Amino acid sequence: MNVLLYLVPVALLLGGLGLAAFVWALRSGQFDDPDGAAERILLDDD
């Protein structure tokens, strides 16, 4: 039972880090053009 005293804060910390990384990716524009590369390969620019 004492293990939960360590595992719960560690799990909350890791979850918070994951959420912070996701928010950072949203704000830095990582998801601005999800279909661009998929459609760009079909276009012939020659």
Protein backbone atom coordinates (compact mmCIF):
# COMPACT_ATOMS: atom_id res chain seq x y z
CA MET A 1 0.00 0.00 0.00
CA ASN A 2 2.95 2.30 0.60
CA VAL A 3 3.91 1.93 -3.05
CA LEU A 4 0.83 3.95 -4.02
CA LEU A 5 2.30 6.93 -2.19
CA TYR A 6 5.07 6.91 -4.79
CA LEU A 7 3.25 5.71 -7.88
CA VAL A 8 0.29 8.12 -7.81
CA PRO A 9 2.42 11.31 -7.83
CA VAL A 10 4.74 9.83 -10.46
CA ALA A 11 1.75 8.97 -12.67
CA LEU A 12 0.31 12.47 -12.22
CA LEU A 13 3.68 14.03 -13.05
CA LEU A 14 4.06 11.95 -16.21
CA GLY A 15 0.50 12.73 -17.26
CA GLY A 16 1.14 16.43 -16.72
CA LEU A 17 4.33 16.27 -18.77
CA GLY A 18 2.47 14.55 -21.60
CA LEU A 19 -0.26 17.17 -21.51
CA ALA A 20 2.31 19.98 -21.49
CA ALA A 21 4.09 18.45 -24.50
CA PHE A 22 0.79 18.19 -26.36
CA VAL A 23 -0.13 21.81 -25.61
CA TRP A 24 3.35 22.91 -26.70
CA ALA A 25 2.96 21.01 -29.97
CA LEU A 26 -0.42 22.64 -30.59
CA ARG A 27 0.94 26.14 -29.97
CA SER A 28 4.06 25.63 -32.07
CA GLY A 29 2.03 24.69 -35.15
CA GLN A 30 2.79 20.97 -35.37
CA PHE A 31 -0.78 20.15 -36.43
CA ASP A 32 -1.51 23.06 -38.77
CA ASP A 33 -1.43 21.15 -42.08
CA PRO A 34 -2.18 17.46 -41.53
CA ASP A 35 -3.36 16.81 -45.12
CA GLY A 36 -0.78 18.90 -46.94
CA ALA A 37 1.91 16.27 -47.35
CA ALA A 38 -0.62 13.57 -48.23
CA GLU A 39 -2.05 15.67 -51.05
CA ARG A 40 1.26 17.19 -52.14
CA ILE A 41 2.65 13.82 -53.18
CA LEU A 42 -0.21 13.42 -55.67
CA LEU A 43 0.47 16.73 -57.44
CA ASP A 44 2.84 16.82 -60.39
CA ASP A 45 4.90 20.03 -60.31
CA ASP A 46 7.11 19.26 -63.29
